[in-house]
Amino acid sequence: MKVLVVYYSMYGHIHRMAEAMVEGAKEVVGAEVVLRRVPETLPHDVLEKMGAVEAQRSMSHIPICTVDELAEADAVIFGSPTRFGNMCGQMRSSWTQPAVFG
């Protein structure tokens, strides 16, 4: 069974939560667990002003999720911060812009 954990994290909080989800899912016998992120949509200068550049750099080794990976997964777990009760803009963009999921 292939489990895909897809997340967005600006400062690393959701990243840590996604890593915990990966660890938990790996406890299921026979589970292959893959961690992926969605692309950042904010410009570098905005991330600088928000103090998020270093956190973004620390997560840059996690590959961006592709459409093929979504289709191949038996289960998908999404992690996203919320804004006024909705998923963050970066996650929403991944679903509404056809070319975002590589």
PDB file of N, CA and C in Angstrom:
ATOM      1  N   MET A   1       0.847  -1.169   0.000  1.00  0.00           N
ATOM      2  CA  MET A   1       0.000   0.000   0.000  1.00  0.00           C
ATOM      3  C   MET A   1       0.895   1.235   0.000  1.00  0.00           C
ATOM      4  N   LYS A   2       0.637   2.159  -0.916  1.00  0.00           N
ATOM      5  CA  LYS A   2       1.425   3.383  -1.007  1.00  0.00           C
ATOM      6  C   LYS A   2       0.645   4.544  -0.388  1.00  0.00           C
ATOM      7  N   VAL A   3       1.253   5.174   0.615  1.00  0.00           N
ATOM      8  CA  VAL A   3       0.653   6.306   1.311  1.00  0.00           C
ATOM      9  C   VAL A   3       1.460   7.553   0.960  1.00  0.00           C
ATOM     10  N   LEU A   4       0.770   8.575   0.519  1.00  0.00           N
ATOM     11  CA  LEU A   4       1.404   9.830   0.126  1.00  0.00           C
ATOM     12  C   LEU A   4       1.000  10.906   1.126  1.00  0.00           C
ATOM     13  N   VAL A   5       1.979  11.561   1.728  1.00  0.00           N
ATOM     14  CA  VAL A   5       1.727  12.677   2.635  1.00  0.00           C
ATOM     15  C   VAL A   5       2.147  13.945   1.903  1.00  0.00           C
ATOM     16  N   VAL A   6       1.184  14.817   1.637  1.00  0.00           N
ATOM     17  CA  VAL A   6       1.416  16.048   0.877  1.00  0.00           C
ATOM     18  C   VAL A   6       1.084  17.228   1.782  1.00  0.00           C
ATOM     19  N   TYR A   7       2.010  18.194   1.877  1.00  0.00           N
ATOM     20  CA  TYR A   7       1.790  19.299   2.806  1.00  0.00           C
ATOM     21  C   TYR A   7       2.323  20.616   2.255  1.00  0.00           C
ATOM     22  N   TYR A   8       1.910  21.700   2.920  1.00  0.00           N
ATOM     23  CA  TYR A   8       2.544  23.005   2.753  1.00  0.00           C
ATOM     24  C   TYR A   8       2.847  23.521   4.149  1.00  0.00           C
ATOM     25  N   SER A   9       4.019  24.111   4.305  1.00  0.00           N
ATOM     26  CA  SER A   9       4.412  24.682   5.582  1.00  0.00           C
ATOM     27  C   SER A   9       5.276  25.913   5.328  1.00  0.00           C
ATOM     28  N   MET A  10       4.893  27.028   5.923  1.00  0.00           N
ATOM     29  CA  MET A  10       5.691  28.237   5.752  1.00  0.00           C
ATOM     30  C   MET A  10       6.856  28.272   6.735  1.00  0.00           C
ATOM     31  N   TYR A  11       6.592  28.014   7.994  1.00  0.00           N
ATOM     32  CA  TYR A  11       7.618  28.140   9.027  1.00  0.00           C
ATOM     33  C   TYR A  11       8.134  26.812   9.547  1.00  0.00           C
ATOM     34  N   GLY A  12       7.585  25.692   9.074  1.00  0.00           N
ATOM     35  CA  GLY A  12       8.061  24.388   9.497  1.00  0.00           C
ATOM     36  C   GLY A  12       7.139  23.647  10.443  1.00  0.00           C
ATOM     37  N   HIS A  13       6.084  24.293  10.941  1.00  0.00           N
ATOM     38  CA  HIS A  13       5.189  23.629  11.884  1.00  0.00           C
ATOM     39  C   HIS A  13       4.438  22.470  11.227  1.00  0.00           C
ATOM     40  N   ILE A  14       3.862  22.700  10.081  1.00  0.00           N
ATOM     41  CA  ILE A  14       3.127  21.653   9.373  1.00  0.00           C
ATOM     42  C   ILE A  14       4.110  20.605   8.836  1.00  0.00           C
ATOM     43  N   HIS A  15       5.316  21.027   8.506  1.00  0.00           N
ATOM     44  CA  HIS A  15       6.349  20.078   8.082  1.00  0.00           C
ATOM     45  C   HIS A  15       6.611  19.054   9.192  1.00  0.00           C
ATOM     46  N   ARG A  16       6.761  19.534  10.412  1.00  0.00           N
ATOM     47  CA  ARG A  16       7.000  18.621  11.541  1.00  0.00           C
ATOM     48  C   ARG A  16       5.802  17.688  11.746  1.00  0.00           C
ATOM     49  N   MET A  17       4.597  18.230  11.577  1.00  0.00           N
ATOM     50  CA  MET A  17       3.407  17.400  11.716  1.00  0.00           C
ATOM     51  C   MET A  17       3.361  16.346  10.604  1.00  0.00           C
ATOM     52  N   ALA A  18       3.731  16.740   9.381  1.00  0.00           N
ATOM     53  CA  ALA A  18       3.755  15.790   8.259  1.00  0.00           C
ATOM     54  C   ALA A  18       4.775  14.681   8.513  1.00  0.00           C
ATOM     55  N   GLU A  19       5.925  15.043   9.056  1.00  0.00           N
ATOM     56  CA  GLU A  19       6.929  14.018   9.394  1.00  0.00           C
ATOM     57  C   GLU A  19       6.377  13.027  10.423  1.00  0.00           C
ATOM     58  N   ALA A  20       5.607  13.519  11.380  1.00  0.00           N
ATOM     59  CA  ALA A  20       5.000  12.634  12.376  1.00  0.00           C
ATOM     60  C   ALA A  20       3.973  11.717  11.712  1.00  0.00           C
ATOM     61  N   MET A  21       3.227  12.246  10.730  1.00  0.00           N
ATOM     62  CA  MET A  21       2.278  11.406  10.001  1.00  0.00           C
ATOM     63  C   MET A  21       3.006  10.309   9.234  1.00  0.00           C
ATOM     64  N   VAL A  22       4.142  10.656   8.648  1.00  0.00           N
ATOM     65  CA  VAL A  22       4.949   9.666   7.923  1.00  0.00           C
ATOM     66  C   VAL A  22       5.401   8.571   8.885  1.00  0.00           C
ATOM     67  N   GLU A  23       5.928   8.964  10.034  1.00  0.00           N
ATOM     68  CA  GLU A  23       6.387   7.977  11.015  1.00  0.00           C
ATOM     69  C   GLU A  23       5.254   7.054  11.445  1.00  0.00           C
ATOM     70  N   GLY A  24       4.091   7.617  11.700  1.00  0.00           N
ATOM     71  CA  GLY A  24       2.946   6.807  12.115  1.00  0.00           C
ATOM     72  C   GLY A  24       2.493   5.864  11.018  1.00  0.00           C
ATOM     73  N   ALA A  25       2.416   6.355   9.788  1.00  0.00           N
ATOM     74  CA  ALA A  25       1.967   5.521   8.665  1.00  0.00           C
ATOM     75  C   ALA A  25       2.952   4.389   8.390  1.00  0.00           C
ATOM     76  N   LYS A  26       4.232   4.628   8.642  1.00  0.00           N
ATOM     77  CA  LYS A  26       5.243   3.586   8.423  1.00  0.00           C
ATOM     78  C   LYS A  26       5.089   2.419   9.392  1.00  0.00           C
ATOM     79  N   GLU A  27       4.348   2.603  10.466  1.00  0.00           N
ATOM     80  CA  GLU A  27       4.116   1.525  11.419  1.00  0.00           C
ATOM     81  C   GLU A  27       3.139   0.490  10.880  1.00  0.00           C
ATOM     82  N   VAL A  28       2.413   0.833   9.826  1.00  0.00           N
ATOM     83  CA  VAL A  28       1.484  -0.114   9.212  1.00  0.00           C
ATOM     84  C   VAL A  28       2.298  -1.090   8.366  1.00  0.00           C
ATOM     85  N   VAL A  29       2.150  -2.346   8.638  1.00  0.00           N
ATOM     86  CA  VAL A  29       2.902  -3.371   7.927  1.00  0.00           C
ATOM     87  C   VAL A  29       2.593  -3.297   6.432  1.00  0.00           C
ATOM     88  N   GLY A  30       3.637  -3.236   5.619  1.00  0.00           N
ATOM     89  CA  GLY A  30       3.491  -3.211   4.170  1.00  0.00           C
ATOM     90  C   GLY A  30       3.270  -1.833   3.574  1.00  0.00           C
ATOM     91  N   ALA A  31       3.240  -0.802   4.405  1.00  0.00           N
ATOM     92  CA  ALA A  31       3.009   0.553   3.894  1.00  0.00           C
ATOM     93  C   ALA A  31       4.307   1.163   3.375  1.00  0.00           C
ATOM     94  N   GLU A  32       4.241   1.686   2.164  1.00  0.00           N
ATOM     95  CA  GLU A  32       5.323   2.496   1.601  1.00  0.00           C
ATOM     96  C   GLU A  32       4.851   3.939   1.727  1.00  0.00           C
ATOM     97  N   VAL A  33       5.583   4.753   2.473  1.00  0.00           N
ATOM     98  CA  VAL A  33       5.137   6.110   2.771  1.00  0.00           C
ATOM     99  C   VAL A  33       6.076   7.113   2.121  1.00  0.00           C
ATOM    100  N   VAL A  34       5.492   8.079   1.421  1.00  0.00           N
ATOM    101  CA  VAL A  34       6.262   9.080   0.684  1.00  0.00           C
ATOM    102  C   VAL A  34       5.841  10.468   1.156  1.00  0.00           C
ATOM    103  N   LEU A  35       6.810  11.337   1.419  1.00  0.00           N
ATOM    104  CA  LEU A  35       6.556  12.710   1.845  1.00  0.00           C
ATOM    105  C   LEU A  35       6.801  13.658   0.675  1.00  0.00           C
ATOM    106  N   ARG A  36       5.828  14.504   0.388  1.00  0.00           N
ATOM    107  CA  ARG A  36       5.940  15.496  -0.685  1.00  0.00           C
ATOM    108  C   ARG A  36       5.356  16.822  -0.204  1.00  0.00           C
ATOM    109  N   ARG A  37       5.749  17.905  -0.856  1.00  0.00           N
ATOM    110  CA  ARG A  37       5.206  19.226  -0.532  1.00  0.00           C
ATOM    111  C   ARG A  37       4.622  19.864  -1.780  1.00  0.00           C
ATOM    112  N   VAL A  38       3.878  20.924  -1.589  1.00  0.00           N
ATOM    113  CA  VAL A  38       3.385  21.703  -2.725  1.00  0.00           C
ATOM    114  C   VAL A  38       4.293  22.918  -2.876  1.00  0.00           C
ATOM    115  N   PRO A  39       4.345  23.501  -4.064  1.00  0.00           N
ATOM    116  CA  PRO A  39       5.277  24.613  -4.282  1.00  0.00           C
ATOM    117  C   PRO A  39       4.905  25.883  -3.520  1.00  0.00           C
ATOM    118  N   GLU A  40       5.925  26.638  -3.204  1.00  0.00           N
ATOM    119  CA  GLU A  40       5.734  27.958  -2.600  1.00  0.00           C
ATOM    120  C   GLU A  40       5.283  28.921  -3.693  1.00  0.00           C
ATOM    121  N   THR A  41       4.307  29.740  -3.387  1.00  0.00           N
ATOM    122  CA  THR A  41       3.819  30.709  -4.376  1.00  0.00           C
ATOM    123  C   THR A  41       4.214  32.149  -4.047  1.00  0.00           C
ATOM    124  N   LEU A  42       4.733  32.367  -2.852  1.00  0.00           N
ATOM    125  CA  LEU A  42       5.119  33.726  -2.471  1.00  0.00           C
ATOM    126  C   LEU A  42       6.508  34.061  -2.999  1.00  0.00           C
ATOM    127  N   PRO A  43       6.696  35.298  -3.440  1.00  0.00           N
ATOM    128  CA  PRO A  43       8.024  35.722  -3.896  1.00  0.00           C
ATOM    129  C   PRO A  43       9.032  35.742  -2.737  1.00  0.00           C
ATOM    130  N   HIS A  44      10.297  35.603  -3.084  1.00  0.00           N
ATOM    131  CA  HIS A  44      11.371  35.557  -2.094  1.00  0.00           C
ATOM    132  C   HIS A  44      11.360  36.779  -1.177  1.00  0.00           C
ATOM    133  N   ASP A  45      11.131  37.958  -1.725  1.00  0.00           N
ATOM    134  CA  ASP A  45      11.166  39.171  -0.896  1.00  0.00           C
ATOM    135  C   ASP A  45      10.040  39.180   0.139  1.00  0.00           C
ATOM    136  N   VAL A  46       8.902  38.615  -0.188  1.00  0.00           N
ATOM    137  CA  VAL A  46       7.803  38.516   0.775  1.00  0.00           C
ATOM    138  C   VAL A  46       8.167  37.513   1.871  1.00  0.00           C
ATOM    139  N   LEU A  47       8.750  36.373   1.466  1.00  0.00           N
ATOM    140  CA  LEU A  47       9.188  35.387   2.456  1.00  0.00           C
ATOM    141  C   LEU A  47      10.234  35.980   3.391  1.00  0.00           C
ATOM    142  N   GLU A  48      11.112  36.820   2.851  1.00  0.00           N
ATOM    143  CA  GLU A  48      12.123  37.498   3.676  1.00  0.00           C
ATOM    144  C   GLU A  48      11.460  38.377   4.723  1.00  0.00           C
ATOM    145  N   LYS A  49      10.500  39.187   4.293  1.00  0.00           N
ATOM    146  CA  LYS A  49       9.801  40.092   5.212  1.00  0.00           C
ATOM    147  C   LYS A  49       9.040  39.321   6.281  1.00  0.00           C
ATOM    148  N   MET A  50       8.592  38.127   5.964  1.00  0.00           N
ATOM    149  CA  MET A  50       7.831  37.310   6.910  1.00  0.00           C
ATOM    150  C   MET A  50       8.740  36.443   7.780  1.00  0.00           C
ATOM    151  N   GLY A  51      10.040  36.467   7.513  1.00  0.00           N
ATOM    152  CA  GLY A  51      10.985  35.684   8.298  1.00  0.00           C
ATOM    153  C   GLY A  51      10.892  34.190   8.027  1.00  0.00           C
ATOM    154  N   ALA A  52      10.537  33.823   6.787  1.00  0.00           N
ATOM    155  CA  ALA A  52      10.319  32.412   6.459  1.00  0.00           C
ATOM    156  C   ALA A  52      11.365  31.824   5.520  1.00  0.00           C
ATOM    157  N   VAL A  53      12.364  32.582   5.132  1.00  0.00           N
ATOM    158  CA  VAL A  53      13.337  32.102   4.148  1.00  0.00           C
ATOM    159  C   VAL A  53      14.110  30.888   4.659  1.00  0.00           C
ATOM    160  N   GLU A  54      14.599  30.947   5.866  1.00  0.00           N
ATOM    161  CA  GLU A  54      15.392  29.832   6.390  1.00  0.00           C
ATOM    162  C   GLU A  54      14.545  28.570   6.529  1.00  0.00           C
ATOM    163  N   ALA A  55      13.322  28.714   7.000  1.00  0.00           N
ATOM    164  CA  ALA A  55      12.437  27.547   7.123  1.00  0.00           C
ATOM    165  C   ALA A  55      12.159  26.948   5.752  1.00  0.00           C
ATOM    166  N   GLN A  56      11.927  27.783   4.755  1.00  0.00           N
ATOM    167  CA  GLN A  56      11.683  27.286   3.397  1.00  0.00           C
ATOM    168  C   GLN A  56      12.913  26.556   2.873  1.00  0.00           C
ATOM    169  N   ARG A  57      14.075  27.106   3.134  1.00  0.00           N
ATOM    170  CA  ARG A  57      15.323  26.474   2.697  1.00  0.00           C
ATOM    171  C   ARG A  57      15.494  25.105   3.362  1.00  0.00           C
ATOM    172  N   SER A  58      15.118  25.001   4.621  1.00  0.00           N
ATOM    173  CA  SER A  58      15.294  23.739   5.342  1.00  0.00           C
ATOM    174  C   SER A  58      14.377  22.627   4.828  1.00  0.00           C
ATOM    175  N   MET A  59      13.318  22.996   4.112  1.00  0.00           N
ATOM    176  CA  MET A  59      12.390  22.000   3.562  1.00  0.00           C
ATOM    177  C   MET A  59      12.594  21.769   2.072  1.00  0.00           C
ATOM    178  N   SER A  60      13.540  22.460   1.481  1.00  0.00           N
ATOM    179  CA  SER A  60      13.709  22.419   0.021  1.00  0.00           C
ATOM    180  C   SER A  60      14.146  21.045  -0.499  1.00  0.00           C
ATOM    181  N   HIS A  61      14.626  20.181   0.375  1.00  0.00           N
ATOM    182  CA  HIS A  61      15.036  18.834  -0.061  1.00  0.00           C
ATOM    183  C   HIS A  61      13.833  17.907  -0.277  1.00  0.00           C
ATOM    184  N   ILE A  62      12.663  18.307   0.208  1.00  0.00           N
ATOM    185  CA  ILE A  62      11.453  17.503   0.011  1.00  0.00           C
ATOM    186  C   ILE A  62      10.932  17.794  -1.399  1.00  0.00           C
ATOM    187  N   PRO A  63      10.791  16.764  -2.245  1.00  0.00           N
ATOM    188  CA  PRO A  63      10.330  16.992  -3.621  1.00  0.00           C
ATOM    189  C   PRO A  63       8.897  17.528  -3.677  1.00  0.00           C
ATOM    190  N   ILE A  64       8.620  18.240  -4.755  1.00  0.00           N
ATOM    191  CA  ILE A  64       7.267  18.728  -5.029  1.00  0.00           C
ATOM    192  C   ILE A  64       6.433  17.548  -5.533  1.00  0.00           C
ATOM    193  N   CYS A  65       5.216  17.460  -5.072  1.00  0.00           N
ATOM    194  CA  CYS A  65       4.319  16.381  -5.479  1.00  0.00           C
ATOM    195  C   CYS A  65       3.951  16.519  -6.960  1.00  0.00           C
ATOM    196  N   THR A  66       3.800  15.395  -7.625  1.00  0.00           N
ATOM    197  CA  THR A  66       3.374  15.393  -9.028  1.00  0.00           C
ATOM    198  C   THR A  66       1.990  14.766  -9.147  1.00  0.00           C
ATOM    199  N   VAL A  67       1.321  15.047 -10.244  1.00  0.00           N
ATOM    200  CA  VAL A  67       0.006  14.464 -10.507  1.00  0.00           C
ATOM    201  C   VAL A  67       0.106  12.939 -10.541  1.00  0.00           C
ATOM    202  N   ASP A  68       1.159  12.418 -11.151  1.00  0.00           N
ATOM    203  CA  ASP A  68       1.335  10.965 -11.229  1.00  0.00           C
ATOM    204  C   ASP A  68       1.404  10.333  -9.841  1.00  0.00           C
ATOM    205  N   GLU A  69       2.094  11.000  -8.916  1.00  0.00           N
ATOM    206  CA  GLU A  69       2.188  10.453  -7.562  1.00  0.00           C
ATOM    207  C   GLU A  69       0.818  10.404  -6.893  1.00  0.00           C
ATOM    208  N   LEU A  70       0.010  11.413  -7.145  1.00  0.00           N
ATOM    209  CA  LEU A  70      -1.341  11.403  -6.580  1.00  0.00           C
ATOM    210  C   LEU A  70      -2.141  10.220  -7.119  1.00  0.00           C
ATOM    211  N   ALA A  71      -2.025  10.000  -8.423  1.00  0.00           N
ATOM    212  CA  ALA A  71      -2.780   8.918  -9.067  1.00  0.00           C
ATOM    213  C   ALA A  71      -2.301   7.535  -8.622  1.00  0.00           C
ATOM    214  N   GLU A  72      -1.032   7.407  -8.292  1.00  0.00           N
ATOM    215  CA  GLU A  72      -0.459   6.107  -7.923  1.00  0.00           C
ATOM    216  C   GLU A  72      -0.666   5.747  -6.452  1.00  0.00           C
ATOM    217  N   ALA A  73      -1.055   6.707  -5.633  1.00  0.00           N
ATOM    218  CA  ALA A  73      -1.183   6.461  -4.194  1.00  0.00           C
ATOM    219  C   ALA A  73      -2.482   5.736  -3.865  1.00  0.00           C
ATOM    220  N   ASP A  74      -2.387   4.853  -2.884  1.00  0.00           N
ATOM    221  CA  ASP A  74      -3.581   4.186  -2.361  1.00  0.00           C
ATOM    222  C   ASP A  74      -4.279   5.058  -1.323  1.00  0.00           C
ATOM    223  N   ALA A  75      -3.502   5.906  -0.661  1.00  0.00           N
ATOM    224  CA  ALA A  75      -4.051   6.824   0.337  1.00  0.00           C
ATOM    225  C   ALA A  75      -3.239   8.110   0.285  1.00  0.00           C
ATOM    226  N   VAL A  76      -3.916   9.241   0.483  1.00  0.00           N
ATOM    227  CA  VAL A  76      -3.241  10.538   0.493  1.00  0.00           C
ATOM    228  C   VAL A  76      -3.644  11.268   1.773  1.00  0.00           C
ATOM    229  N   ILE A  77      -2.653  11.770   2.484  1.00  0.00           N
ATOM    230  CA  ILE A  77      -2.880  12.569   3.684  1.00  0.00           C
ATOM    231  C   ILE A  77      -2.388  13.973   3.370  1.00  0.00           C
ATOM    232  N   PHE A  78      -3.254  14.968   3.559  1.00  0.00           N
ATOM    233  CA  PHE A  78      -2.889  16.351   3.279  1.00  0.00           C
ATOM    234  C   PHE A  78      -2.675  17.111   4.578  1.00  0.00           C
ATOM    235  N   GLY A  79      -1.666  17.986   4.574  1.00  0.00           N
ATOM    236  CA  GLY A  79      -1.405  18.848   5.710  1.00  0.00           C
ATOM    237  C   GLY A  79      -1.299  20.282   5.240  1.00  0.00           C
ATOM    238  N   SER A  80      -2.097  21.159   5.834  1.00  0.00           N
ATOM    239  CA  SER A  80      -2.096  22.558   5.424  1.00  0.00           C
ATOM    240  C   SER A  80      -2.490  23.437   6.595  1.00  0.00           C
ATOM    241  N   PRO A  81      -1.811  24.569   6.755  1.00  0.00           N
ATOM    242  CA  PRO A  81      -2.324  25.537   7.722  1.00  0.00           C
ATOM    243  C   PRO A  81      -3.634  26.099   7.167  1.00  0.00           C
ATOM    244  N   THR A  82      -4.379  26.755   8.016  1.00  0.00           N
ATOM    245  CA  THR A  82      -5.645  27.330   7.551  1.00  0.00           C
ATOM    246  C   THR A  82      -5.605  28.843   7.604  1.00  0.00           C
ATOM    247  N   ARG A  83      -6.443  29.421   6.799  1.00  0.00           N
ATOM    248  CA  ARG A  83      -6.629  30.879   6.810  1.00  0.00           C
ATOM    249  C   ARG A  83      -8.131  31.116   6.747  1.00  0.00           C
ATOM    250  N   PHE A  84      -8.674  31.646   7.812  1.00  0.00           N
ATOM    251  CA  PHE A  84     -10.112  31.883   7.918  1.00  0.00           C
ATOM    252  C   PHE A  84     -10.905  30.614   7.623  1.00  0.00           C
ATOM    253  N   GLY A  85     -10.411  29.475   8.116  1.00  0.00           N
ATOM    254  CA  GLY A  85     -11.117  28.214   7.981  1.00  0.00           C
ATOM    255  C   GLY A  85     -10.900  27.487   6.668  1.00  0.00           C
ATOM    256  N   ASN A  86     -10.097  28.034   5.779  1.00  0.00           N
ATOM    257  CA  ASN A  86      -9.812  27.398   4.498  1.00  0.00           C
ATOM    258  C   ASN A  86      -8.349  26.980   4.435  1.00  0.00           C
ATOM    259  N   MET A  87      -8.038  26.085   3.495  1.00  0.00           N
ATOM    260  CA  MET A  87      -6.633  25.711   3.302  1.00  0.00           C
ATOM    261  C   MET A  87      -5.838  26.937   2.848  1.00  0.00           C
ATOM    262  N   CYS A  88      -4.556  26.913   3.069  1.00  0.00           N
ATOM    263  CA  CYS A  88      -3.709  28.043   2.683  1.00  0.00           C
ATOM    264  C   CYS A  88      -3.680  28.203   1.164  1.00  0.00           C
ATOM    265  N   GLY A  89      -3.312  29.390   0.718  1.00  0.00           N
ATOM    266  CA  GLY A  89      -3.286  29.692  -0.709  1.00  0.00           C
ATOM    267  C   GLY A  89      -2.373  28.798  -1.522  1.00  0.00           C
ATOM    268  N   GLN A  90      -1.244  28.399  -0.952  1.00  0.00           N
ATOM    269  CA  GLN A  90      -0.309  27.544  -1.679  1.00  0.00           C
ATOM    270  C   GLN A  90      -0.936  26.185  -1.983  1.00  0.00           C
ATOM    271  N   MET A  91      -1.640  25.609  -1.023  1.00  0.00           N
ATOM    272  CA  MET A  91      -2.305  24.329  -1.254  1.00  0.00           C
ATOM    273  C   MET A  91      -3.461  24.501  -2.238  1.00  0.00           C
ATOM    274  N   ARG A  92      -4.224  25.562  -2.077  1.00  0.00           N
ATOM    275  CA  ARG A  92      -5.346  25.821  -2.974  1.00  0.00           C
ATOM    276  C   ARG A  92      -4.853  26.004  -4.415  1.00  0.00           C
ATOM    277  N   SER A  93      -3.757  26.718  -4.592  1.00  0.00           N
ATOM    278  CA  SER A  93      -3.198  26.917  -5.931  1.00  0.00           C
ATOM    279  C   SER A  93      -2.818  25.594  -6.593  1.00  0.00           C
ATOM    280  N   SER A  94      -2.340  24.658  -5.782  1.00  0.00           N
ATOM    281  CA  SER A  94      -1.950  23.360  -6.326  1.00  0.00           C
ATOM    282  C   SER A  94      -3.145  22.629  -6.924  1.00  0.00           C
ATOM    283  N   TRP A  95      -4.318  22.889  -6.399  1.00  0.00           N
ATOM    284  CA  TRP A  95      -5.526  22.222  -6.901  1.00  0.00           C
ATOM    285  C   TRP A  95      -6.201  22.987  -8.030  1.00  0.00           C
ATOM    286  N   THR A  96      -6.066  24.312  -8.030  1.00  0.00           N
ATOM    287  CA  THR A  96      -6.805  25.109  -9.019  1.00  0.00           C
ATOM    288  C   THR A  96      -6.019  25.492 -10.247  1.00  0.00           C
ATOM    289  N   GLN A  97      -4.709  25.405 -10.196  1.00  0.00           N
ATOM    290  CA  GLN A  97      -3.877  25.708 -11.367  1.00  0.00           C
ATOM    291  C   GLN A  97      -3.361  24.402 -11.945  1.00  0.00           C
ATOM    292  N   PRO A  98      -3.769  24.060 -13.163  1.00  0.00           N
ATOM    293  CA  PRO A  98      -3.465  22.737 -13.713  1.00  0.00           C
ATOM    294  C   PRO A  98      -1.978  22.377 -13.757  1.00  0.00           C
ATOM    295  N   ALA A  99      -1.101  23.323 -13.868  1.00  0.00           N
ATOM    296  CA  ALA A  99       0.318  22.990 -14.048  1.00  0.00           C
ATOM    297  C   ALA A  99       1.091  22.934 -12.729  1.00  0.00           C
ATOM    298  N   VAL A 100       0.450  23.207 -11.601  1.00  0.00           N
ATOM    299  CA  VAL A 100       1.189  23.289 -10.338  1.00  0.00           C
ATOM    300  C   VAL A 100       1.706  21.925  -9.902  1.00  0.00           C
ATOM    301  N   PHE A 101       0.821  20.929  -9.812  1.00  0.00           N
ATOM    302  CA  PHE A 101       1.295  19.592  -9.465  1.00  0.00           C
ATOM    303  C   PHE A 101       2.087  19.103 -10.660  1.00  0.00           C
ATOM    304  N   GLY A 102       3.446  19.268 -10.566  1.00  0.00           N
ATOM    305  CA  GLY A 102       4.393  18.957 -11.629  1.00  0.00           C
ATOM    306  C   GLY A 102       3.982  17.868 -12.488  1.00  0.00           C
TER     307      GLY A 102
END
